[in-house]
Amino acid sequence: MTTTRNDQRSDRGPILHLALELGLDQWKLAFTIGLAQPPRVRAVAARDRAAVLREIALAKTRFDLPPDAPVVSCYEAGRDGFWIHRWLTAEGVGNYVIDSSSIEVNRKQRRAKSDRLDAGALVRLLVRYELGEKKSFSVVRVPGEADEDQRQLHRELSALKDERTSLVNQLKGLLYSQGLRLPTVNAQFPEWLSHARCWDGSAVGGELQARLRRTFERWQQVQGQIGALEAQQRQQIGHDSTPQVDLVRRLMTLKGIGGCGAWMLVKELFGWRRGFNRKQLGALVGLVPTPFDSGQRRREQGISKAGNKRLRRLLVELAWCWLRHQPDSALSGWFRRRFAEGARLRRIGITALARKLLLALWRYVEQGEVPSGAVLVDWQPKLRKRRAGPALVT
């Protein structure tokens, strides 16, 4: 079979384009040298780096390219993370990590979908992107290995807190089924359970008691890990002299922003990302509007909710804290003037305030510009562990 070739050449000469469709057990590789060139699709075992390099060499031979011809590749961001990008870059392959939500799809209700078709569509988008159509897809900015490693502490802490909430809900739900209400979960739970009585005055069933005690033991383990990670975080904020921790301390000088919030803002965003404008900054956390304007129909569809969901949730929480602790600031005044009437308006307005707060914090970190009317405080008292009351979780 004769292969039709239509090379799109650049200043570097002919380029081999490669798209990887990453599966758990198998990878699909799609090669092409131009838009009119049917992709050459091959399958290799997942994570078989030698096989990928061998297929690249075979593709160069198949398309009559010199052995030193440049190779540009892409794959979708997902479970495999960024190690493939780092490996390809080390092998001299230019690579893009693509935001999956930015890829064009056929809007028909039923469409054929397979790894082979996905790889072919992806490599065609890659050719268009290389030819100058930069809106073909969105490229994910890959963090450095050290920056990626620095995100583990607060992400694990967030996951543990979610797990703790789940365990508390399990305990309360099991007791609700017996007509009992658990007001709090603390170290006295086993004693409370021993004296708890159902509606008829009988004790909680033996099997259910055993299940509740095992769930409480898991809660204790998670609670201990949370305390250890929070202590480690406070230790680093108080004593580390790295540039990122300096940014954390600077954010903590703003009243209403504590160590956990400042830590996440720096480790996820301010500490390693550079070169964005105010619109890109809002888009990074999905706090930008999505208007629908077609003919005579115009409406707002809410925020995009794209980007970093951890930061988006954090910024909404910080916006409520800002209203409470910085009532005399310009941002709080703007919120009261625009959204003071009704709970619904306040819920809508808090996302707008979160976006404005993000921009204000960015200017404060990058340029030292204190938000108008904001109160500055000493950051060191914020590191003192809050005194534990009788109830650890409610």
Protein backbone atom coordinates (compact mmCIF):
# COMPACT_ATOMS: atom_id res chain seq x y z
CA MET A 1 0.00 0.00 0.00
CA THR A 2 1.38 3.38 -1.03
CA THR A 3 1.36 6.03 1.66
CA THR A 4 0.52 9.58 0.59
CA ARG A 5 2.85 12.15 2.07
CA ASN A 6 2.19 15.84 2.48
CA ASP A 7 4.94 17.31 4.65
CA GLN A 8 4.31 20.48 6.61
CA ARG A 9 7.83 21.74 7.01
CA SER A 10 9.20 24.29 9.43
CA ASP A 11 12.53 25.99 9.90
CA ARG A 12 13.69 22.74 11.52
CA GLY A 13 12.77 20.69 8.46
CA PRO A 14 10.29 17.80 8.52
CA ILE A 15 8.96 16.97 11.98
CA LEU A 16 7.67 13.66 13.27
CA HIS A 17 4.52 14.19 15.33
CA LEU A 18 3.61 11.65 17.99
CA ALA A 19 0.49 11.35 20.13
CA LEU A 20 0.30 8.90 23.03
CA GLU A 21 -3.02 7.50 24.22
CA LEU A 22 -2.15 6.13 27.65
CA GLY A 23 -3.94 3.07 28.96
CA LEU A 24 -3.38 0.98 32.03
CA ASP A 25 -1.95 -2.02 30.17
CA GLN A 26 -1.31 -0.66 26.68
CA TRP A 27 -0.27 2.58 25.01
CA LYS A 28 -1.38 3.61 21.53
CA LEU A 29 1.15 5.62 19.52
CA ALA A 30 0.02 7.66 16.52
CA PHE A 31 2.68 9.08 14.17
CA THR A 32 2.31 11.53 11.30
CA ILE A 33 4.31 14.19 9.44
CA GLY A 34 1.44 16.35 8.20
CA LEU A 35 -2.27 17.01 8.18
CA ALA A 36 -2.93 15.02 4.99
CA GLN A 37 -0.85 12.09 6.19
CA PRO A 38 -2.89 9.18 7.62
CA PRO A 39 -1.50 8.46 11.07
CA ARG A 40 0.63 5.39 11.63
CA VAL A 41 -0.81 3.77 14.78
CA ARG A 42 1.11 1.24 16.83
CA ALA A 43 0.52 -0.36 20.23
CA VAL A 44 3.13 -1.00 22.90
CA ALA A 45 2.97 -2.29 26.44
CA ALA A 46 2.30 0.45 28.98
CA ARG A 47 5.43 2.04 30.45
CA ASP A 48 7.71 0.17 27.97
CA ARG A 49 10.08 3.04 27.26
CA ALA A 50 12.38 1.00 25.03
CA ALA A 51 9.43 0.01 22.81
CA VAL A 52 8.37 3.66 22.44
CA LEU A 53 11.87 4.70 21.34
CA ARG A 54 11.99 1.75 18.94
CA GLU A 55 8.67 2.76 17.37
CA ILE A 56 9.90 6.34 16.99
CA ALA A 57 12.94 5.07 15.06
CA LEU A 58 10.76 2.82 12.89
CA ALA A 59 8.38 5.71 12.17
CA LYS A 60 11.26 7.89 10.98
CA THR A 61 12.28 5.11 8.59
CA ARG A 62 8.70 4.64 7.41
CA PHE A 63 8.26 8.33 6.64
CA ASP A 64 11.73 8.70 5.05
CA LEU A 65 12.95 11.05 7.77
CA PRO A 66 16.60 11.34 8.78
CA PRO A 67 17.53 9.71 12.10
CA ASP A 68 18.11 13.12 13.68
CA ALA A 69 14.73 14.55 12.61
CA PRO A 70 13.01 16.41 15.46
CA VAL A 71 10.13 14.70 17.24
CA VAL A 72 7.21 16.50 18.90
CA SER A 73 4.82 14.53 21.09
CA CYS A 74 1.77 15.05 23.29
CA TYR A 75 -0.46 13.20 25.69
CA GLU A 76 -3.41 14.03 27.92
CA ALA A 77 -2.87 14.98 31.55
CA GLY A 78 -4.20 12.31 33.86
CA ARG A 79 -3.30 9.37 36.03
CA ASP A 80 0.25 8.99 34.70
CA GLY A 81 1.25 12.46 35.83
CA PHE A 82 4.33 14.17 34.46
CA TRP A 83 7.03 11.50 34.55
CA ILE A 84 6.43 10.67 30.87
CA HIS A 85 6.94 14.33 29.96
CA ARG A 86 10.22 14.44 31.87
CA TRP A 87 11.42 11.21 30.27
CA LEU A 88 10.54 12.33 26.72
CA THR A 89 12.22 15.68 27.30
CA ALA A 90 15.34 13.92 28.54
CA GLU A 91 15.33 11.85 25.32
CA GLY A 92 15.28 15.04 23.22
CA VAL A 93 11.57 14.84 22.34
CA GLY A 94 9.58 18.06 22.57
CA ASN A 95 6.44 17.22 24.50
CA TYR A 96 3.15 18.87 25.44
CA VAL A 97 0.88 17.77 28.28
CA ILE A 98 -2.65 18.59 27.16
CA ASP A 99 -5.63 19.61 29.27
CA SER A 100 -8.20 16.93 28.43
CA SER A 101 -11.16 19.29 28.70
CA SER A 102 -9.75 21.50 25.91
CA ILE A 103 -9.75 18.77 23.24
CA GLU A 104 -12.29 19.05 20.45
CA VAL A 105 -14.93 16.31 20.30
CA ASN A 106 -17.75 15.50 17.91
CA ARG A 107 -21.02 16.69 19.47
CA LYS A 108 -23.13 13.92 17.95
CA GLN A 109 -25.00 11.88 20.52
CA ARG A 110 -23.33 8.67 19.42
CA ARG A 111 -19.77 8.68 18.13
CA ALA A 112 -17.20 5.98 17.67
CA LYS A 113 -14.55 6.08 20.37
CA SER A 114 -11.48 3.91 20.81
CA ASP A 115 -7.86 4.42 21.81
CA ARG A 116 -6.85 4.18 18.16
CA LEU A 117 -9.31 6.91 17.10
CA ASP A 118 -8.39 9.07 20.09
CA ALA A 119 -4.67 8.84 19.28
CA GLY A 120 -5.31 9.73 15.64
CA ALA A 121 -7.43 12.75 16.55
CA LEU A 122 -4.85 13.88 19.07
CA VAL A 123 -1.94 13.74 16.64
CA ARG A 124 -3.92 15.81 14.10
CA LEU A 125 -4.52 18.45 16.76
CA LEU A 126 -0.80 18.38 17.52
CA VAL A 127 0.05 19.12 13.88
CA ARG A 128 -2.37 22.04 13.86
CA TYR A 129 -0.86 23.35 17.08
CA GLU A 130 2.67 23.15 15.68
CA LEU A 131 1.58 24.94 12.52
CA GLY A 132 0.48 27.92 14.58
CA GLU A 133 -3.12 27.16 15.59
CA LYS A 134 -2.44 27.62 19.29
CA LYS A 135 -6.09 27.34 20.27
CA SER A 136 -6.27 23.71 19.14
CA PHE A 137 -5.82 22.69 22.77
CA SER A 138 -4.59 24.03 26.10
CA VAL A 139 -1.17 23.04 27.36
CA VAL A 140 -0.64 22.18 31.01
CA ARG A 141 2.32 23.88 32.64
CA VAL A 142 4.47 21.13 34.10
CA PRO A 143 5.92 21.82 37.57
CA GLY A 144 9.48 20.99 38.42
CA GLU A 145 10.11 17.79 40.33
CA ALA A 146 10.93 19.72 43.50
CA ASP A 147 7.82 21.90 43.17
CA GLU A 148 5.64 18.86 42.60
CA ASP A 149 7.13 17.17 45.65
CA GLN A 150 6.39 20.22 47.79
CA ARG A 151 2.66 19.80 47.15
CA GLN A 152 2.42 16.44 48.91
CA LEU A 153 2.12 17.65 52.51
CA HIS A 154 -0.94 19.87 52.17
CA ARG A 155 -2.63 17.53 49.70
CA GLU A 156 -2.25 14.61 52.07
CA LEU A 157 -3.52 16.82 54.89
CA SER A 158 -6.62 17.72 52.88
CA ALA A 159 -7.26 14.07 52.03
CA LEU A 160 -6.93 13.08 55.68
CA LYS A 161 -9.36 15.78 56.78
CA ASP A 162 -11.89 14.55 54.20
CA GLU A 163 -11.36 11.01 55.48
CA ARG A 164 -11.89 12.20 59.05
CA THR A 165 -15.17 13.83 58.08
CA SER A 166 -16.27 10.62 56.38
CA LEU A 167 -15.52 8.57 59.51
CA VAL A 168 -17.42 11.01 61.73
CA ASN A 169 -20.40 10.80 59.39
CA GLN A 170 -20.23 6.99 59.53
CA LEU A 171 -20.28 7.02 63.33
CA LYS A 172 -23.18 9.44 63.48
CA GLY A 173 -25.13 7.62 60.78
CA LEU A 174 -24.84 4.24 62.48
CA LEU A 175 -26.02 5.73 65.77
CA TYR A 176 -28.90 7.59 64.10
CA SER A 177 -30.22 4.22 62.93
CA GLN A 178 -30.60 3.27 66.63
CA GLY A 179 -32.28 6.51 67.65
CA LEU A 180 -29.10 7.93 69.18
CA ARG A 181 -27.52 11.30 68.44
CA LEU A 182 -23.76 11.68 68.77
CA PRO A 183 -23.03 15.34 69.55
CA THR A 184 -19.25 15.14 69.21
CA VAL A 185 -16.41 12.74 68.48
CA ASN A 186 -13.52 12.87 70.92
CA ALA A 187 -11.36 10.65 73.10
CA GLN A 188 -14.32 9.93 75.42
CA PHE A 189 -16.33 8.22 72.67
CA PRO A 190 -15.77 4.61 73.92
CA GLU A 191 -17.01 5.56 77.38
CA TRP A 192 -20.00 7.38 75.92
CA LEU A 193 -20.83 4.35 73.79
CA SER A 194 -20.77 2.04 76.83
CA HIS A 195 -23.43 4.14 78.56
CA ALA A 196 -25.54 4.89 75.48
CA ARG A 197 -29.07 3.47 75.55
CA CYS A 198 -31.53 2.91 72.72
CA TRP A 199 -35.18 4.00 72.78
CA ASP A 200 -36.22 1.06 74.98
CA GLY A 201 -33.37 1.49 77.46
CA SER A 202 -31.27 -1.35 76.06
CA ALA A 203 -27.60 -1.05 75.23
CA VAL A 204 -26.33 -0.81 71.67
CA GLY A 205 -26.01 -4.25 70.06
CA GLY A 206 -22.72 -6.08 70.46
CA GLU A 207 -21.89 -6.35 66.74
CA LEU A 208 -22.77 -2.72 66.16
CA GLN A 209 -20.67 -1.67 69.16
CA ALA A 210 -17.70 -3.60 67.74
CA ARG A 211 -18.14 -1.90 64.37
CA LEU A 212 -18.39 1.53 65.99
CA ARG A 213 -15.24 0.94 68.03
CA ARG A 214 -13.29 -0.16 64.93
CA THR A 215 -14.46 2.94 63.07
CA PHE A 216 -13.43 5.07 66.05
CA GLU A 217 -9.97 3.47 66.03
CA ARG A 218 -9.57 4.48 62.37
CA TRP A 219 -10.71 7.99 63.32
CA GLN A 220 -8.06 8.10 66.05
CA GLN A 221 -5.36 7.03 63.60
CA VAL A 222 -6.40 9.65 61.04
CA GLN A 223 -6.64 12.30 63.76
CA GLY A 224 -3.11 11.47 64.91
CA GLN A 225 -1.74 11.74 61.37
CA ILE A 226 -3.48 15.09 60.90
CA GLY A 227 -1.89 16.40 64.09
CA ALA A 228 1.55 15.20 63.00
CA LEU A 229 1.29 16.83 59.56
CA GLU A 230 -0.01 20.10 61.02
CA ALA A 231 2.91 20.15 63.46
CA GLN A 232 5.34 19.54 60.58
CA GLN A 233 3.76 22.35 58.60
CA ARG A 234 4.01 24.78 61.53
CA GLN A 235 7.63 23.76 62.06
CA GLN A 236 8.54 24.52 58.46
CA ILE A 237 6.73 27.85 58.44
CA GLY A 238 8.45 28.91 61.64
CA HIS A 239 12.01 27.83 60.84
CA ASP A 240 12.59 27.21 57.12
CA SER A 241 14.37 29.93 55.17
CA THR A 242 13.39 28.88 51.64
CA PRO A 243 11.87 31.49 49.28
CA GLN A 244 8.52 29.69 49.18
CA VAL A 245 8.18 29.67 52.96
CA ASP A 246 9.05 33.38 52.98
CA LEU A 247 6.04 33.92 50.71
CA VAL A 248 3.89 31.92 53.13
CA ARG A 249 4.93 34.20 55.99
CA ARG A 250 4.23 37.28 53.90
CA LEU A 251 0.67 36.13 53.19
CA MET A 252 0.15 35.31 56.86
CA THR A 253 0.80 38.96 57.77
CA LEU A 254 -2.65 39.69 56.31
CA LYS A 255 -5.32 39.40 58.97
CA GLY A 256 -7.75 36.61 58.09
CA ILE A 257 -5.23 34.37 56.29
CA GLY A 258 -3.76 31.54 58.34
CA GLY A 259 -0.92 29.12 57.83
CA CYS A 260 -2.86 26.40 55.99
CA GLY A 261 -4.39 28.81 53.46
CA ALA A 262 -1.14 30.67 52.84
CA TRP A 263 0.74 27.38 52.50
CA MET A 264 -1.62 26.05 49.84
CA LEU A 265 -1.64 29.30 47.87
CA VAL A 266 2.15 29.32 47.69
CA LYS A 267 2.72 25.62 47.06
CA GLU A 268 -0.02 25.31 44.44
CA LEU A 269 0.31 28.67 42.70
CA PHE A 270 2.46 31.58 43.82
CA GLY A 271 5.59 29.59 44.63
CA TRP A 272 6.38 28.28 41.15
CA ARG A 273 4.01 29.67 38.52
CA ARG A 274 5.13 32.85 36.77
CA GLY A 275 4.24 34.98 33.78
CA PHE A 276 0.44 35.13 33.88
CA ASN A 277 -1.96 38.07 33.69
CA ARG A 278 -5.08 38.71 35.71
CA LYS A 279 -7.38 36.83 33.30
CA GLN A 280 -5.13 33.80 33.23
CA LEU A 281 -4.90 33.87 37.01
CA GLY A 282 -8.67 33.68 37.39
CA ALA A 283 -8.87 30.92 34.78
CA LEU A 284 -6.27 28.85 36.65
CA VAL A 285 -8.75 28.27 39.48
CA GLY A 286 -11.97 28.32 37.45
CA LEU A 287 -13.28 31.62 38.84
CA VAL A 288 -14.14 33.17 35.47
CA PRO A 289 -17.65 33.68 34.06
CA THR A 290 -19.05 31.60 31.19
CA PRO A 291 -21.56 33.83 29.35
CA PHE A 292 -24.05 32.38 26.87
CA ASP A 293 -24.68 34.95 24.13
CA SER A 294 -26.35 33.62 20.98
CA GLY A 295 -28.73 35.74 18.93
CA GLN A 296 -31.29 37.23 21.29
CA ARG A 297 -30.48 34.81 24.13
CA ARG A 298 -28.09 36.07 26.76
CA ARG A 299 -27.48 34.59 30.17
CA GLU A 300 -24.72 33.79 32.61
CA GLN A 301 -23.94 30.12 33.16
CA GLY A 302 -21.89 30.61 36.31
CA ILE A 303 -18.18 30.18 36.78
CA SER A 304 -16.21 27.74 34.62
CA LYS A 305 -15.06 25.53 37.55
CA ALA A 306 -12.01 24.55 35.52
CA GLY A 307 -8.47 24.45 36.83
CA ASN A 308 -7.33 23.78 40.38
CA LYS A 309 -10.37 22.80 42.45
CA ARG A 310 -8.38 22.82 45.71
CA LEU A 311 -7.52 26.49 45.27
CA ARG A 312 -11.05 27.36 44.18
CA ARG A 313 -12.53 25.86 47.34
CA LEU A 314 -9.85 27.52 49.46
CA LEU A 315 -10.41 30.96 47.92
CA VAL A 316 -14.15 30.85 48.60
CA GLU A 317 -13.40 30.01 52.24
CA LEU A 318 -10.81 32.80 52.41
CA ALA A 319 -13.34 35.24 50.94
CA TRP A 320 -15.75 34.56 53.82
CA CYS A 321 -12.86 34.92 56.29
CA TRP A 322 -11.87 38.19 54.64
CA LEU A 323 -15.34 39.64 55.17
CA ARG A 324 -15.15 38.73 58.85
CA HIS A 325 -11.58 39.76 59.67
CA GLN A 326 -11.08 42.63 57.18
CA PRO A 327 -14.45 44.46 57.36
CA ASP A 328 -12.91 47.88 56.66
CA SER A 329 -11.03 46.85 53.52
CA ALA A 330 -12.01 48.05 50.07
CA LEU A 331 -12.90 44.51 48.98
CA SER A 332 -15.30 44.03 51.89
CA GLY A 333 -16.89 47.39 51.19
CA TRP A 334 -17.37 46.51 47.54
CA PHE A 335 -19.04 43.23 48.52
CA ARG A 336 -21.46 44.92 50.93
CA ARG A 337 -22.46 47.51 48.34
CA ARG A 338 -23.10 44.95 45.61
CA PHE A 339 -24.40 41.86 47.39
CA ALA A 340 -25.75 42.86 50.79
CA GLU A 341 -29.40 42.11 50.00
CA GLY A 342 -30.39 38.48 50.42
CA ALA A 343 -28.60 35.21 51.02
CA ARG A 344 -28.78 34.23 47.33
CA LEU A 345 -26.93 37.36 46.23
CA ARG A 346 -24.30 36.78 48.89
CA ARG A 347 -23.68 33.25 47.62
CA ILE A 348 -23.29 34.59 44.09
CA GLY A 349 -21.13 37.50 45.18
CA ILE A 350 -18.72 35.44 47.27
CA THR A 351 -17.26 33.85 44.12
CA ALA A 352 -16.69 37.29 42.63
CA LEU A 353 -15.02 38.37 45.86
CA ALA A 354 -12.87 35.22 45.79
CA ARG A 355 -11.57 36.15 42.35
CA LYS A 356 -10.86 39.74 43.38
CA LEU A 357 -9.13 38.49 46.51
CA LEU A 358 -6.93 36.18 44.44
CA LEU A 359 -5.82 39.12 42.29
CA ALA A 360 -5.16 41.25 45.37
CA LEU A 361 -3.07 38.50 47.00
CA TRP A 362 -1.13 38.03 43.75
CA ARG A 363 -0.24 41.73 43.65
CA TYR A 364 0.72 41.58 47.32
CA VAL A 365 3.06 38.64 46.76
CA GLU A 366 4.55 39.79 43.46
CA GLN A 367 4.70 43.57 43.94
CA GLY A 368 4.30 44.10 47.68
CA GLU A 369 1.04 46.03 47.11
CA VAL A 370 -1.07 45.72 50.28
CA PRO A 371 -4.81 45.37 49.51
CA SER A 372 -6.56 48.69 50.07
CA GLY A 373 -7.70 49.08 53.68
CA ALA A 374 -6.30 45.70 54.75
CA VAL A 375 -4.91 45.23 58.27
CA LEU A 376 -1.46 43.69 58.71
CA VAL A 377 -0.59 41.60 61.76
CA ASP A 378 2.33 39.58 63.09
CA TRP A 379 2.40 36.12 61.53
CA GLN A 380 4.10 34.32 64.42
CA PRO A 381 1.09 34.11 66.81
CA LYS A 382 -0.83 32.30 64.06
CA LEU A 383 1.52 29.34 64.42
CA ARG A 384 0.50 28.64 67.99
CA LYS A 385 -1.59 25.50 68.11
CA ARG A 386 -5.17 26.26 68.98
CA ARG A 387 -6.19 25.02 72.36
CA ALA A 388 -8.19 21.83 71.98
CA GLY A 389 -11.62 21.94 73.56
CA PRO A 390 -13.63 18.99 74.80
CA ALA A 391 -14.79 18.23 71.25
CA LEU A 392 -12.28 17.66 68.48
CA VAL A 393 -14.84 17.28 65.71
CA THR A 394 -18.47 18.29 65.66
